[in-house]
PDB file of N, CA and C in Angstrom:
ATOM      1  N   MET A   1       0.844  -1.183  -0.003  1.00  0.00           N
ATOM      2  CA  MET A   1      -0.019   0.003   0.003  1.00  0.00           C
ATOM      3  C   MET A   1       0.845   1.238   0.001  1.00  0.00           C
ATOM      4  N   ARG A   2       1.374   1.566  -1.162  1.00  0.00           N
ATOM      5  CA  ARG A   2       2.350   2.649  -1.270  1.00  0.00           C
ATOM      6  C   ARG A   2       1.797   4.018  -1.056  1.00  0.00           C
ATOM      7  N   ASN A   3       0.499   4.185  -1.117  1.00  0.00           N
ATOM      8  CA  ASN A   3      -0.153   5.516  -0.942  1.00  0.00           C
ATOM      9  C   ASN A   3      -0.549   5.783   0.526  1.00  0.00           C
ATOM     10  N   TYR A   4      -0.141   4.885   1.407  1.00  0.00           N
ATOM     11  CA  TYR A   4      -0.560   5.082   2.824  1.00  0.00           C
ATOM     12  C   TYR A   4      -0.171   6.439   3.348  1.00  0.00           C
ATOM     13  N   VAL A   5       1.057   6.860   3.107  1.00  0.00           N
ATOM     14  CA  VAL A   5       1.578   8.144   3.625  1.00  0.00           C
ATOM     15  C   VAL A   5       0.758   9.251   3.039  1.00  0.00           C
ATOM     16  N   VAL A   6       0.509   9.234   1.726  1.00  0.00           N
ATOM     17  CA  VAL A   6      -0.201  10.270   1.072  1.00  0.00           C
ATOM     18  C   VAL A   6      -1.649  10.344   1.668  1.00  0.00           C
ATOM     19  N   ALA A   7      -2.278   9.197   1.839  1.00  0.00           N
ATOM     20  CA  ALA A   7      -3.656   9.205   2.319  1.00  0.00           C
ATOM     21  C   ALA A   7      -3.720   9.722   3.727  1.00  0.00           C
ATOM     22  N   CYS A   8      -2.720   9.482   4.527  1.00  0.00           N
ATOM     23  CA  CYS A   8      -2.775   9.911   5.892  1.00  0.00           C
ATOM     24  C   CYS A   8      -2.564  11.419   6.049  1.00  0.00           C
ATOM     25  N   ILE A   9      -1.946  12.090   5.082  1.00  0.00           N
ATOM     26  CA  ILE A   9      -1.737  13.519   5.269  1.00  0.00           C
ATOM     27  C   ILE A   9      -2.829  14.362   4.597  1.00  0.00           C
ATOM     28  N   VAL A  10      -3.742  13.727   3.903  1.00  0.00           N
ATOM     29  CA  VAL A  10      -4.857  14.483   3.275  1.00  0.00           C
ATOM     30  C   VAL A  10      -5.886  14.715   4.387  1.00  0.00           C
ATOM     31  N   GLU A  11      -5.825  15.920   4.971  1.00  0.00           N
ATOM     32  CA  GLU A  11      -6.699  16.263   6.084  1.00  0.00           C
ATOM     33  C   GLU A  11      -7.566  17.454   5.832  1.00  0.00           C
ATOM     34  N   SER A  12      -7.372  18.149   4.690  1.00  0.00           N
ATOM     35  CA  SER A  12      -8.171  19.292   4.366  1.00  0.00           C
ATOM     36  C   SER A  12      -8.390  19.363   2.861  1.00  0.00           C
ATOM     37  N   VAL A  13      -9.320  20.181   2.527  1.00  0.00           N
ATOM     38  CA  VAL A  13      -9.648  20.391   1.103  1.00  0.00           C
ATOM     39  C   VAL A  13      -9.619  21.904   0.845  1.00  0.00           C
ATOM     40  N   HIS A  14      -9.107  22.238  -0.333  1.00  0.00           N
ATOM     41  CA  HIS A  14      -9.047  23.661  -0.751  1.00  0.00           C
ATOM     42  C   HIS A  14     -10.020  23.867  -1.853  1.00  0.00           C
ATOM     43  N   VAL A  15     -10.910  24.820  -1.696  1.00  0.00           N
ATOM     44  CA  VAL A  15     -11.904  25.104  -2.732  1.00  0.00           C
ATOM     45  C   VAL A  15     -11.685  26.573  -3.126  1.00  0.00           C
ATOM     46  N   THR A  16     -11.488  26.863  -4.388  1.00  0.00           N
ATOM     47  CA  THR A  16     -11.336  28.217  -4.869  1.00  0.00           C
ATOM     48  C   THR A  16     -12.497  28.544  -5.835  1.00  0.00           C
ATOM     49  N   ARG A  17     -13.047  29.715  -5.618  1.00  0.00           N
ATOM     50  CA  ARG A  17     -14.068  30.189  -6.502  1.00  0.00           C
ATOM     51  C   ARG A  17     -13.767  31.617  -6.883  1.00  0.00           C
ATOM     52  N   THR A  18     -14.092  31.950  -8.149  1.00  0.00           N
ATOM     53  CA  THR A  18     -13.824  33.338  -8.646  1.00  0.00           C
ATOM     54  C   THR A  18     -15.110  33.812  -9.319  1.00  0.00           C
ATOM     55  N   VAL A  19     -15.397  35.073  -9.044  1.00  0.00           N
ATOM     56  CA  VAL A  19     -16.536  35.754  -9.715  1.00  0.00           C
ATOM     57  C   VAL A  19     -16.117  37.130 -10.116  1.00  0.00           C
ATOM     58  N   VAL A  20     -16.594  37.610 -11.236  1.00  0.00           N
ATOM     59  CA  VAL A  20     -16.367  38.970 -11.675  1.00  0.00           C
ATOM     60  C   VAL A  20     -17.684  39.783 -11.365  1.00  0.00           C
ATOM     61  N   LEU A  21     -17.539  40.741 -10.525  1.00  0.00           N
ATOM     62  CA  LEU A  21     -18.706  41.569 -10.154  1.00  0.00           C
ATOM     63  C   LEU A  21     -18.738  42.822 -11.023  1.00  0.00           C
ATOM     64  N   PRO A  22     -19.910  43.303 -11.403  1.00  0.00           N
ATOM     65  CA  PRO A  22     -20.008  44.477 -12.229  1.00  0.00           C
ATOM     66  C   PRO A  22     -19.942  45.796 -11.457  1.00  0.00           C
ATOM     67  N   VAL A  23     -18.893  45.826 -10.579  1.00  0.00           N
ATOM     68  CA  VAL A  23     -18.686  47.024  -9.740  1.00  0.00           C
ATOM     69  C   VAL A  23     -17.188  47.342  -9.714  1.00  0.00           C
ATOM     70  N   SER A  24     -16.797  48.507  -9.127  1.00  0.00           N
ATOM     71  CA  SER A  24     -15.400  48.775  -9.012  1.00  0.00           C
ATOM     72  C   SER A  24     -14.781  47.956  -7.879  1.00  0.00           C
ATOM     73  N   THR A  25     -13.492  47.911  -7.800  1.00  0.00           N
ATOM     74  CA  THR A  25     -12.803  47.162  -6.759  1.00  0.00           C
ATOM     75  C   THR A  25     -13.132  47.798  -5.421  1.00  0.00           C
ATOM     76  N   ASP A  26     -13.290  49.110  -5.343  1.00  0.00           N
ATOM     77  CA  ASP A  26     -13.686  49.786  -4.121  1.00  0.00           C
ATOM     78  C   ASP A  26     -15.066  49.325  -3.634  1.00  0.00           C
ATOM     79  N   GLU A  27     -15.985  49.243  -4.580  1.00  0.00           N
ATOM     80  CA  GLU A  27     -17.347  48.789  -4.215  1.00  0.00           C
ATOM     81  C   GLU A  27     -17.361  47.324  -3.784  1.00  0.00           C
ATOM     82  N   ALA A  28     -16.554  46.497  -4.482  1.00  0.00           N
ATOM     83  CA  ALA A  28     -16.426  45.079  -4.072  1.00  0.00           C
ATOM     84  C   ALA A  28     -15.856  44.971  -2.682  1.00  0.00           C
ATOM     85  N   TRP A  29     -14.860  45.789  -2.371  1.00  0.00           N
ATOM     86  CA  TRP A  29     -14.240  45.751  -1.012  1.00  0.00           C
ATOM     87  C   TRP A  29     -15.318  46.107   0.014  1.00  0.00           C
ATOM     88  N   GLU A  30     -16.106  47.112  -0.274  1.00  0.00           N
ATOM     89  CA  GLU A  30     -17.134  47.539   0.684  1.00  0.00           C
ATOM     90  C   GLU A  30     -18.117  46.408   0.907  1.00  0.00           C
ATOM     91  N   LEU A  31     -18.540  45.699  -0.160  1.00  0.00           N
ATOM     92  CA  LEU A  31     -19.459  44.560  -0.033  1.00  0.00           C
ATOM     93  C   LEU A  31     -18.891  43.472   0.833  1.00  0.00           C
ATOM     94  N   LEU A  32     -17.543  43.321   0.843  1.00  0.00           N
ATOM     95  CA  LEU A  32     -16.864  42.278   1.673  1.00  0.00           C
ATOM     96  C   LEU A  32     -16.542  42.673   3.049  1.00  0.00           C
ATOM     97  N   THR A  33     -16.555  43.985   3.344  1.00  0.00           N
ATOM     98  CA  THR A  33     -16.071  44.444   4.676  1.00  0.00           C
ATOM     99  C   THR A  33     -17.089  45.221   5.503  1.00  0.00           C
ATOM    100  N   ASP A  34     -18.085  45.782   4.845  1.00  0.00           N
ATOM    101  CA  ASP A  34     -19.068  46.587   5.626  1.00  0.00           C
ATOM    102  C   ASP A  34     -20.087  45.649   6.276  1.00  0.00           C
ATOM    103  N   PRO A  35     -20.208  45.754   7.584  1.00  0.00           N
ATOM    104  CA  PRO A  35     -21.135  44.862   8.302  1.00  0.00           C
ATOM    105  C   PRO A  35     -22.586  44.912   7.783  1.00  0.00           C
ATOM    106  N   ASP A  36     -23.068  46.086   7.415  1.00  0.00           N
ATOM    107  CA  ASP A  36     -24.406  46.153   6.877  1.00  0.00           C
ATOM    108  C   ASP A  36     -24.519  45.456   5.540  1.00  0.00           C
ATOM    109  N   GLU A  37     -23.542  45.576   4.681  1.00  0.00           N
ATOM    110  CA  GLU A  37     -23.506  44.900   3.433  1.00  0.00           C
ATOM    111  C   GLU A  37     -23.434  43.351   3.626  1.00  0.00           C
ATOM    112  N   LEU A  38     -22.560  42.954   4.515  1.00  0.00           N
ATOM    113  CA  LEU A  38     -22.359  41.497   4.801  1.00  0.00           C
ATOM    114  C   LEU A  38     -23.684  40.890   5.315  1.00  0.00           C
ATOM    115  N   ALA A  39     -24.413  41.629   6.109  1.00  0.00           N
ATOM    116  CA  ALA A  39     -25.692  41.156   6.628  1.00  0.00           C
ATOM    117  C   ALA A  39     -26.714  40.893   5.498  1.00  0.00           C
ATOM    118  N   GLU A  40     -26.589  41.586   4.366  1.00  0.00           N
ATOM    119  CA  GLU A  40     -27.505  41.402   3.245  1.00  0.00           C
ATOM    120  C   GLU A  40     -27.209  40.174   2.409  1.00  0.00           C
ATOM    121  N   TRP A  41     -25.938  39.704   2.360  1.00  0.00           N
ATOM    122  CA  TRP A  41     -25.673  38.580   1.516  1.00  0.00           C
ATOM    123  C   TRP A  41     -24.939  37.409   2.137  1.00  0.00           C
ATOM    124  N   LEU A  42     -24.274  37.583   3.249  1.00  0.00           N
ATOM    125  CA  LEU A  42     -23.541  36.479   3.857  1.00  0.00           C
ATOM    126  C   LEU A  42     -24.248  36.058   5.135  1.00  0.00           C
ATOM    127  N   VAL A  43     -25.339  35.351   4.898  1.00  0.00           N
ATOM    128  CA  VAL A  43     -26.108  34.931   6.041  1.00  0.00           C
ATOM    129  C   VAL A  43     -26.256  33.380   5.990  1.00  0.00           C
ATOM    130  N   ASP A  44     -26.065  32.747   7.140  1.00  0.00           N
ATOM    131  CA  ASP A  44     -26.222  31.301   7.223  1.00  0.00           C
ATOM    132  C   ASP A  44     -27.705  30.970   7.066  1.00  0.00           C
ATOM    133  N   PRO A  45     -28.027  30.094   6.114  1.00  0.00           N
ATOM    134  CA  PRO A  45     -29.442  29.797   5.834  1.00  0.00           C
ATOM    135  C   PRO A  45     -30.161  29.171   7.061  1.00  0.00           C
ATOM    136  N   GLU A  46     -29.364  28.505   7.962  1.00  0.00           N
ATOM    137  CA  GLU A  46     -29.965  27.940   9.143  1.00  0.00           C
ATOM    138  C   GLU A  46     -29.902  28.837  10.347  1.00  0.00           C
ATOM    139  N   GLY A  47     -29.390  30.058  10.158  1.00  0.00           N
ATOM    140  CA  GLY A  47     -29.303  31.038  11.175  1.00  0.00           C
ATOM    141  C   GLY A  47     -28.208  30.813  12.208  1.00  0.00           C
ATOM    142  N   ALA A  48     -27.269  29.953  11.910  1.00  0.00           N
ATOM    143  CA  ALA A  48     -26.149  29.709  12.819  1.00  0.00           C
ATOM    144  C   ALA A  48     -25.236  30.958  12.931  1.00  0.00           C
ATOM    145  N   GLN A  49     -24.806  31.192  14.151  1.00  0.00           N
ATOM    146  CA  GLN A  49     -23.867  32.349  14.407  1.00  0.00           C
ATOM    147  C   GLN A  49     -22.501  31.884  14.025  1.00  0.00           C
ATOM    148  N   ARG A  50     -21.791  32.663  13.220  1.00  0.00           N
ATOM    149  CA  ARG A  50     -20.385  32.334  12.851  1.00  0.00           C
ATOM    150  C   ARG A  50     -19.438  33.298  13.581  1.00  0.00           C
ATOM    151  N   HIS A  51     -18.342  32.679  14.014  1.00  0.00           N
ATOM    152  CA  HIS A  51     -17.277  33.438  14.708  1.00  0.00           C
ATOM    153  C   HIS A  51     -16.136  33.600  13.728  1.00  0.00           C
ATOM    154  N   ARG A  52     -15.363  34.690  13.882  1.00  0.00           N
ATOM    155  CA  ARG A  52     -14.290  34.994  12.921  1.00  0.00           C
ATOM    156  C   ARG A  52     -13.125  35.575  13.675  1.00  0.00           C
ATOM    157  N   VAL A  53     -11.895  35.127  13.219  1.00  0.00           N
ATOM    158  CA  VAL A  53     -10.694  35.753  13.684  1.00  0.00           C
ATOM    159  C   VAL A  53      -9.923  36.212  12.452  1.00  0.00           C
ATOM    160  N   MET A  54      -9.698  37.502  12.338  1.00  0.00           N
ATOM    161  CA  MET A  54      -8.996  38.072  11.199  1.00  0.00           C
ATOM    162  C   MET A  54      -7.468  37.740  11.305  1.00  0.00           C
ATOM    163  N   GLU A  55      -6.922  37.339  10.218  1.00  0.00           N
ATOM    164  CA  GLU A  55      -5.464  37.014  10.149  1.00  0.00           C
ATOM    165  C   GLU A  55      -4.718  37.963   9.266  1.00  0.00           C
ATOM    166  N   GLU A  56      -5.377  38.554   8.254  1.00  0.00           N
ATOM    167  CA  GLU A  56      -4.747  39.443   7.336  1.00  0.00           C
ATOM    168  C   GLU A  56      -5.718  40.438   6.723  1.00  0.00           C
ATOM    169  N   VAL A  57      -5.321  41.690   6.665  1.00  0.00           N
ATOM    170  CA  VAL A  57      -6.076  42.663   5.941  1.00  0.00           C
ATOM    171  C   VAL A  57      -5.126  43.552   5.177  1.00  0.00           C
ATOM    172  N   VAL A  58      -5.221  43.568   3.871  1.00  0.00           N
ATOM    173  CA  VAL A  58      -4.514  44.495   3.004  1.00  0.00           C
ATOM    174  C   VAL A  58      -5.614  45.322   2.342  1.00  0.00           C
ATOM    175  N   GLU A  59      -5.794  46.541   2.859  1.00  0.00           N
ATOM    176  CA  GLU A  59      -6.913  47.356   2.501  1.00  0.00           C
ATOM    177  C   GLU A  59      -7.137  47.411   0.983  1.00  0.00           C
ATOM    178  N   GLY A  60      -8.394  47.065   0.653  1.00  0.00           N
ATOM    179  CA  GLY A  60      -8.815  47.111  -0.761  1.00  0.00           C
ATOM    180  C   GLY A  60      -8.339  45.985  -1.619  1.00  0.00           C
ATOM    181  N   GLN A  61      -7.554  45.039  -1.067  1.00  0.00           N
ATOM    182  CA  GLN A  61      -6.960  43.981  -1.871  1.00  0.00           C
ATOM    183  C   GLN A  61      -7.100  42.587  -1.390  1.00  0.00           C
ATOM    184  N   ARG A  62      -6.954  42.373  -0.027  1.00  0.00           N
ATOM    185  CA  ARG A  62      -6.921  41.008   0.464  1.00  0.00           C
ATOM    186  C   ARG A  62      -7.407  40.887   1.906  1.00  0.00           C
ATOM    187  N   LEU A  63      -8.107  39.827   2.198  1.00  0.00           N
ATOM    188  CA  LEU A  63      -8.595  39.487   3.489  1.00  0.00           C
ATOM    189  C   LEU A  63      -8.220  38.036   3.813  1.00  0.00           C
ATOM    190  N   GLY A  64      -7.872  37.767   5.029  1.00  0.00           N
ATOM    191  CA  GLY A  64      -7.663  36.387   5.469  1.00  0.00           C
ATOM    192  C   GLY A  64      -8.216  36.222   6.856  1.00  0.00           C
ATOM    193  N   PHE A  65      -8.960  35.148   7.094  1.00  0.00           N
ATOM    194  CA  PHE A  65      -9.522  34.917   8.394  1.00  0.00           C
ATOM    195  C   PHE A  65      -9.831  33.420   8.576  1.00  0.00           C
ATOM    196  N   VAL A  66     -10.056  33.075   9.835  1.00  0.00           N
ATOM    197  CA  VAL A  66     -10.566  31.781  10.176  1.00  0.00           C
ATOM    198  C   VAL A  66     -11.945  32.024  10.732  1.00  0.00           C
ATOM    199  N   TRP A  67     -12.909  31.142  10.285  1.00  0.00           N
ATOM    200  CA  TRP A  67     -14.220  31.256  10.811  1.00  0.00           C
ATOM    201  C   TRP A  67     -14.849  29.907  11.133  1.00  0.00           C
ATOM    202  N   TRP A  68     -15.864  29.922  11.967  1.00  0.00           N
ATOM    203  CA  TRP A  68     -16.517  28.672  12.374  1.00  0.00           C
ATOM    204  C   TRP A  68     -17.870  28.974  12.985  1.00  0.00           C
ATOM    205  N   SER A  69     -18.690  27.993  13.069  1.00  0.00           N
ATOM    206  CA  SER A  69     -19.935  28.092  13.844  1.00  0.00           C
ATOM    207  C   SER A  69     -19.765  27.063  15.018  1.00  0.00           C
ATOM    208  N   ASP A  70     -20.700  27.130  15.918  1.00  0.00           N
ATOM    209  CA  ASP A  70     -20.647  26.212  17.040  1.00  0.00           C
ATOM    210  C   ASP A  70     -20.781  24.743  16.628  1.00  0.00           C
ATOM    211  N   ASP A  71     -21.354  24.489  15.417  1.00  0.00           N
ATOM    212  CA  ASP A  71     -21.604  23.135  14.943  1.00  0.00           C
ATOM    213  C   ASP A  71     -20.571  22.637  13.966  1.00  0.00           C
ATOM    214  N   ASP A  72     -19.680  23.518  13.483  1.00  0.00           N
ATOM    215  CA  ASP A  72     -18.771  23.156  12.441  1.00  0.00           C
ATOM    216  C   ASP A  72     -17.295  23.369  12.881  1.00  0.00           C
ATOM    217  N   ASP A  73     -16.427  22.657  12.202  1.00  0.00           N
ATOM    218  CA  ASP A  73     -14.983  22.883  12.423  1.00  0.00           C
ATOM    219  C   ASP A  73     -14.598  24.170  11.740  1.00  0.00           C
ATOM    220  N   PRO A  74     -13.493  24.832  12.242  1.00  0.00           N
ATOM    221  CA  PRO A  74     -13.104  26.064  11.569  1.00  0.00           C
ATOM    222  C   PRO A  74     -12.540  25.848  10.196  1.00  0.00           C
ATOM    223  N   SER A  75     -12.677  26.852   9.351  1.00  0.00           N
ATOM    224  CA  SER A  75     -12.030  26.822   8.029  1.00  0.00           C
ATOM    225  C   SER A  75     -11.321  28.159   7.845  1.00  0.00           C
ATOM    226  N   ARG A  76     -10.280  28.090   7.014  1.00  0.00           N
ATOM    227  CA  ARG A  76      -9.412  29.314   6.708  1.00  0.00           C
ATOM    228  C   ARG A  76      -9.910  29.810   5.356  1.00  0.00           C
ATOM    229  N   VAL A  77     -10.127  31.170   5.325  1.00  0.00           N
ATOM    230  CA  VAL A  77     -10.613  31.800   4.087  1.00  0.00           C
ATOM    231  C   VAL A  77      -9.632  32.872   3.650  1.00  0.00           C
ATOM    232  N   ALA A  78      -9.286  32.884   2.370  1.00  0.00           N
ATOM    233  CA  ALA A  78      -8.483  34.018   1.812  1.00  0.00           C
ATOM    234  C   ALA A  78      -9.263  34.601   0.635  1.00  0.00           C
ATOM    235  N   ILE A  79      -9.452  35.876   0.685  1.00  0.00           N
ATOM    236  CA  ILE A  79     -10.209  36.589  -0.373  1.00  0.00           C
ATOM    237  C   ILE A  79      -9.308  37.661  -0.994  1.00  0.00           C
ATOM    238  N   THR A  80      -9.262  37.689  -2.300  1.00  0.00           N
ATOM    239  CA  THR A  80      -8.518  38.736  -3.025  1.00  0.00           C
ATOM    240  C   THR A  80      -9.539  39.464  -3.914  1.00  0.00           C
ATOM    241  N   VAL A  81      -9.252  40.782  -4.034  1.00  0.00           N
ATOM    242  CA  VAL A  81     -10.040  41.677  -4.889  1.00  0.00           C
ATOM    243  C   VAL A  81      -9.088  42.316  -5.867  1.00  0.00           C
ATOM    244  N   GLU A  82      -9.393  42.244  -7.140  1.00  0.00           N
ATOM    245  CA  GLU A  82      -8.537  42.934  -8.152  1.00  0.00           C
ATOM    246  C   GLU A  82      -9.434  43.298  -9.324  1.00  0.00           C
ATOM    247  N   GLU A  83      -8.872  44.215 -10.129  1.00  0.00           N
ATOM    248  CA  GLU A  83      -9.623  44.600 -11.276  1.00  0.00           C
ATOM    249  C   GLU A  83      -9.647  43.443 -12.268  1.00  0.00           C
ATOM    250  N   ALA A  84     -10.810  43.232 -12.896  1.00  0.00           N
ATOM    251  CA  ALA A  84     -10.949  42.179 -13.894  1.00  0.00           C
ATOM    252  C   ALA A  84     -10.027  42.506 -15.088  1.00  0.00           C
ATOM    253  N   GLU A  85      -9.528  41.503 -15.740  1.00  0.00           N
ATOM    254  CA  GLU A  85      -8.573  41.671 -16.820  1.00  0.00           C
ATOM    255  C   GLU A  85      -9.129  42.527 -17.931  1.00  0.00           C
ATOM    256  N   ASP A  86     -10.440  42.376 -18.250  1.00  0.00           N
ATOM    257  CA  ASP A  86     -10.954  43.169 -19.309  1.00  0.00           C
ATOM    258  C   ASP A  86     -11.558  44.525 -18.813  1.00  0.00           C
ATOM    259  N   GLY A  87     -11.318  44.844 -17.564  1.00  0.00           N
ATOM    260  CA  GLY A  87     -11.777  46.098 -17.006  1.00  0.00           C
ATOM    261  C   GLY A  87     -13.278  46.148 -16.803  1.00  0.00           C
ATOM    262  N   ALA A  88     -13.911  44.987 -16.822  1.00  0.00           N
ATOM    263  CA  ALA A  88     -15.370  44.894 -16.719  1.00  0.00           C
ATOM    264  C   ALA A  88     -15.904  44.837 -15.322  1.00  0.00           C
ATOM    265  N   GLY A  89     -15.069  45.133 -14.324  1.00  0.00           N
ATOM    266  CA  GLY A  89     -15.527  44.991 -12.972  1.00  0.00           C
ATOM    267  C   GLY A  89     -14.409  44.540 -12.043  1.00  0.00           C
ATOM    268  N   ALA A  90     -14.827  43.993 -10.927  1.00  0.00           N
ATOM    269  CA  ALA A  90     -13.883  43.557  -9.896  1.00  0.00           C
ATOM    270  C   ALA A  90     -13.919  42.000  -9.859  1.00  0.00           C
ATOM    271  N   ARG A  91     -12.734  41.416  -9.914  1.00  0.00           N
ATOM    272  CA  ARG A  91     -12.663  39.926  -9.823  1.00  0.00           C
ATOM    273  C   ARG A  91     -12.396  39.597  -8.307  1.00  0.00           C
ATOM    274  N   VAL A  92     -13.298  38.800  -7.728  1.00  0.00           N
ATOM    275  CA  VAL A  92     -13.173  38.432  -6.336  1.00  0.00           C
ATOM    276  C   VAL A  92     -12.878  36.909  -6.322  1.00  0.00           C
ATOM    277  N   THR A  93     -11.808  36.502  -5.693  1.00  0.00           N
ATOM    278  CA  THR A  93     -11.413  35.132  -5.636  1.00  0.00           C
ATOM    279  C   THR A  93     -11.424  34.750  -4.120  1.00  0.00           C
ATOM    280  N   VAL A  94     -12.113  33.654  -3.837  1.00  0.00           N
ATOM    281  CA  VAL A  94     -12.221  33.139  -2.451  1.00  0.00           C
ATOM    282  C   VAL A  94     -11.661  31.724  -2.471  1.00  0.00           C
ATOM    283  N   THR A  95     -10.659  31.512  -1.539  1.00  0.00           N
ATOM    284  CA  THR A  95     -10.189  30.177  -1.343  1.00  0.00           C
ATOM    285  C   THR A  95     -10.457  29.786   0.124  1.00  0.00           C
ATOM    286  N   GLU A  96     -11.112  28.692   0.260  1.00  0.00           N
ATOM    287  CA  GLU A  96     -11.472  28.193   1.616  1.00  0.00           C
ATOM    288  C   GLU A  96     -10.768  26.844   1.839  1.00  0.00           C
ATOM    289  N   THR A  97     -10.106  26.721   2.937  1.00  0.00           N
ATOM    290  CA  THR A  97      -9.449  25.498   3.330  1.00  0.00           C
ATOM    291  C   THR A  97     -10.151  24.965   4.595  1.00  0.00           C
ATOM    292  N   ALA A  98     -10.714  23.769   4.464  1.00  0.00           N
ATOM    293  CA  ALA A  98     -11.460  23.229   5.580  1.00  0.00           C
ATOM    294  C   ALA A  98     -11.020  21.796   5.833  1.00  0.00           C
ATOM    295  N   PRO A  99     -11.071  21.398   7.086  1.00  0.00           N
ATOM    296  CA  PRO A  99     -10.709  20.028   7.423  1.00  0.00           C
ATOM    297  C   PRO A  99     -11.789  19.104   6.923  1.00  0.00           C
ATOM    298  N   VAL A 100     -11.393  17.967   6.446  1.00  0.00           N
ATOM    299  CA  VAL A 100     -12.329  16.951   5.957  1.00  0.00           C
ATOM    300  C   VAL A 100     -11.986  15.651   6.613  1.00  0.00           C
ATOM    301  N   PRO A 101     -12.320  15.489   7.901  1.00  0.00           N
ATOM    302  CA  PRO A 101     -11.875  14.330   8.607  1.00  0.00           C
ATOM    303  C   PRO A 101     -12.402  13.005   8.014  1.00  0.00           C
ATOM    304  N   GLU A 102     -13.629  13.079   7.477  1.00  0.00           N
ATOM    305  CA  GLU A 102     -14.198  11.858   6.940  1.00  0.00           C
ATOM    306  C   GLU A 102     -13.407  11.278   5.756  1.00  0.00           C
ATOM    307  N   TRP A 103     -12.636  12.102   5.086  1.00  0.00           N
ATOM    308  CA  TRP A 103     -11.814  11.625   3.960  1.00  0.00           C
ATOM    309  C   TRP A 103     -10.471  11.060   4.453  1.00  0.00           C
ATOM    310  N   HIS A 104     -10.101  11.318   5.672  1.00  0.00           N
ATOM    311  CA  HIS A 104      -8.819  10.867   6.207  1.00  0.00           C
ATOM    312  C   HIS A 104      -8.633   9.308   5.968  1.00  0.00           C
ATOM    313  N   GLY A 105      -9.605   8.526   6.307  1.00  0.00           N
ATOM    314  CA  GLY A 105      -9.485   7.108   6.073  1.00  0.00           C
ATOM    315  C   GLY A 105     -10.090   6.599   4.855  1.00  0.00           C
ATOM    316  N   ARG A 106     -10.860   7.407   4.201  1.00  0.00           N
ATOM    317  CA  ARG A 106     -11.588   6.984   2.950  1.00  0.00           C
ATOM    318  C   ARG A 106     -10.628   6.668   1.814  1.00  0.00           C
ATOM    319  N   LEU A 107      -9.566   7.388   1.698  1.00  0.00           N
ATOM    320  CA  LEU A 107      -8.629   7.134   0.638  1.00  0.00           C
ATOM    321  C   LEU A 107      -7.946   5.736   0.859  1.00  0.00           C
ATOM    322  N   LEU A 108      -7.692   5.400   2.118  1.00  0.00           N
ATOM    323  CA  LEU A 108      -7.222   4.063   2.391  1.00  0.00           C
ATOM    324  C   LEU A 108      -8.248   3.027   2.033  1.00  0.00           C
ATOM    325  N   ASP A 109      -9.527   3.300   2.358  1.00  0.00           N
ATOM    326  CA  ASP A 109     -10.613   2.396   2.043  1.00  0.00           C
ATOM    327  C   ASP A 109     -10.691   2.180   0.484  1.00  0.00           C
ATOM    328  N   LEU A 110     -10.529   3.302  -0.227  1.00  0.00           N
ATOM    329  CA  LEU A 110     -10.575   3.256  -1.719  1.00  0.00           C
ATOM    330  C   LEU A 110      -9.448   2.370  -2.186  1.00  0.00           C
ATOM    331  N   GLU A 111      -8.223   2.596  -1.693  1.00  0.00           N
ATOM    332  CA  GLU A 111      -7.058   1.824  -2.150  1.00  0.00           C
ATOM    333  C   GLU A 111      -7.296   0.345  -1.820  1.00  0.00           C
ATOM    334  N   LEU A 112      -7.774   0.053  -0.605  1.00  0.00           N
ATOM    335  CA  LEU A 112      -8.026  -1.358  -0.273  1.00  0.00           C
ATOM    336  C   LEU A 112      -9.077  -1.962  -1.166  1.00  0.00           C
ATOM    337  N   ARG A 113     -10.114  -1.234  -1.467  1.00  0.00           N
ATOM    338  CA  ARG A 113     -11.136  -1.735  -2.434  1.00  0.00           C
ATOM    339  C   ARG A 113     -10.539  -2.057  -3.786  1.00  0.00           C
ATOM    340  N   CYS A 114      -9.647  -1.179  -4.283  1.00  0.00           N
ATOM    341  CA  CYS A 114      -9.052  -1.440  -5.534  1.00  0.00           C
ATOM    342  C   CYS A 114      -8.160  -2.629  -5.471  1.00  0.00           C
ATOM    343  N   LEU A 115      -7.414  -2.841  -4.387  1.00  0.00           N
ATOM    344  CA  LEU A 115      -6.552  -4.009  -4.290  1.00  0.00           C
ATOM    345  C   LEU A 115      -7.323  -5.263  -4.147  1.00  0.00           C
ATOM    346  N   THR A 116      -8.388  -5.295  -3.400  1.00  0.00           N
ATOM    347  CA  THR A 116      -9.154  -6.496  -3.205  1.00  0.00           C
ATOM    348  C   THR A 116      -9.977  -6.846  -4.480  1.00  0.00           C
ATOM    349  N   ARG A 117     -10.391  -5.800  -5.187  1.00  0.00           N
ATOM    350  CA  ARG A 117     -11.099  -6.024  -6.423  1.00  0.00           C
ATOM    351  C   ARG A 117     -10.181  -6.580  -7.504  1.00  0.00           C
ATOM    352  N   GLN A 118      -8.960  -6.068  -7.581  1.00  0.00           N
ATOM    353  CA  GLN A 118      -7.981  -6.581  -8.572  1.00  0.00           C
ATOM    354  C   GLN A 118      -7.618  -8.019  -8.232  1.00  0.00           C
ATOM    355  N   SER A 119      -7.442  -8.351  -7.029  1.00  0.00           N
ATOM    356  CA  SER A 119      -7.104  -9.744  -6.674  1.00  0.00           C
ATOM    357  C   SER A 119      -8.283 -10.685  -6.983  1.00  0.00           C
ATOM    358  N   ALA A 120      -9.520 -10.211  -6.846  1.00  0.00           N
ATOM    359  CA  ALA A 120     -10.664 -11.041  -7.123  1.00  0.00           C
ATOM    360  C   ALA A 120     -10.774 -11.343  -8.613  1.00  0.00           C
ATOM    361  N   PHE A 121     -10.281 -10.449  -9.489  1.00  0.00           N
ATOM    362  CA  PHE A 121     -10.303 -10.659 -10.904  1.00  0.00           C
ATOM    363  C   PHE A 121      -9.059 -11.211 -11.540  1.00  0.00           C
ATOM    364  N   ALA A 122      -8.049 -11.403 -10.696  1.00  0.00           N
ATOM    365  CA  ALA A 122      -6.725 -11.889 -11.190  1.00  0.00           C
ATOM    366  C   ALA A 122      -6.784 -13.352 -11.546  1.00  0.00           C
TER     367      ALA A 122
END
């Protein structure tokens, strides 16, 4: 089982999403940082309260924080704001890194399944 070490260190997943908003970078920054604006679009559908610890702020360009709710593990979020390449607005990129404990052993299970399946057909 040569992938054992690899499977054991896969403990989080990185998800990156990018959107181009039809606003200036200043307006995008306001949407991301103004509490009243956040209350309009960044709401947990189940009403869970989220906690946040800021790790990085580069005014108008970049935010970094860790956030969590009482029911979820924390995840690390990095947000960048830049002018879209074609000048058609602000490009906002969000990368979230979250622990995925259920996958910790699943890759081993997958490898074992492949090995046992191969031996059954050999």
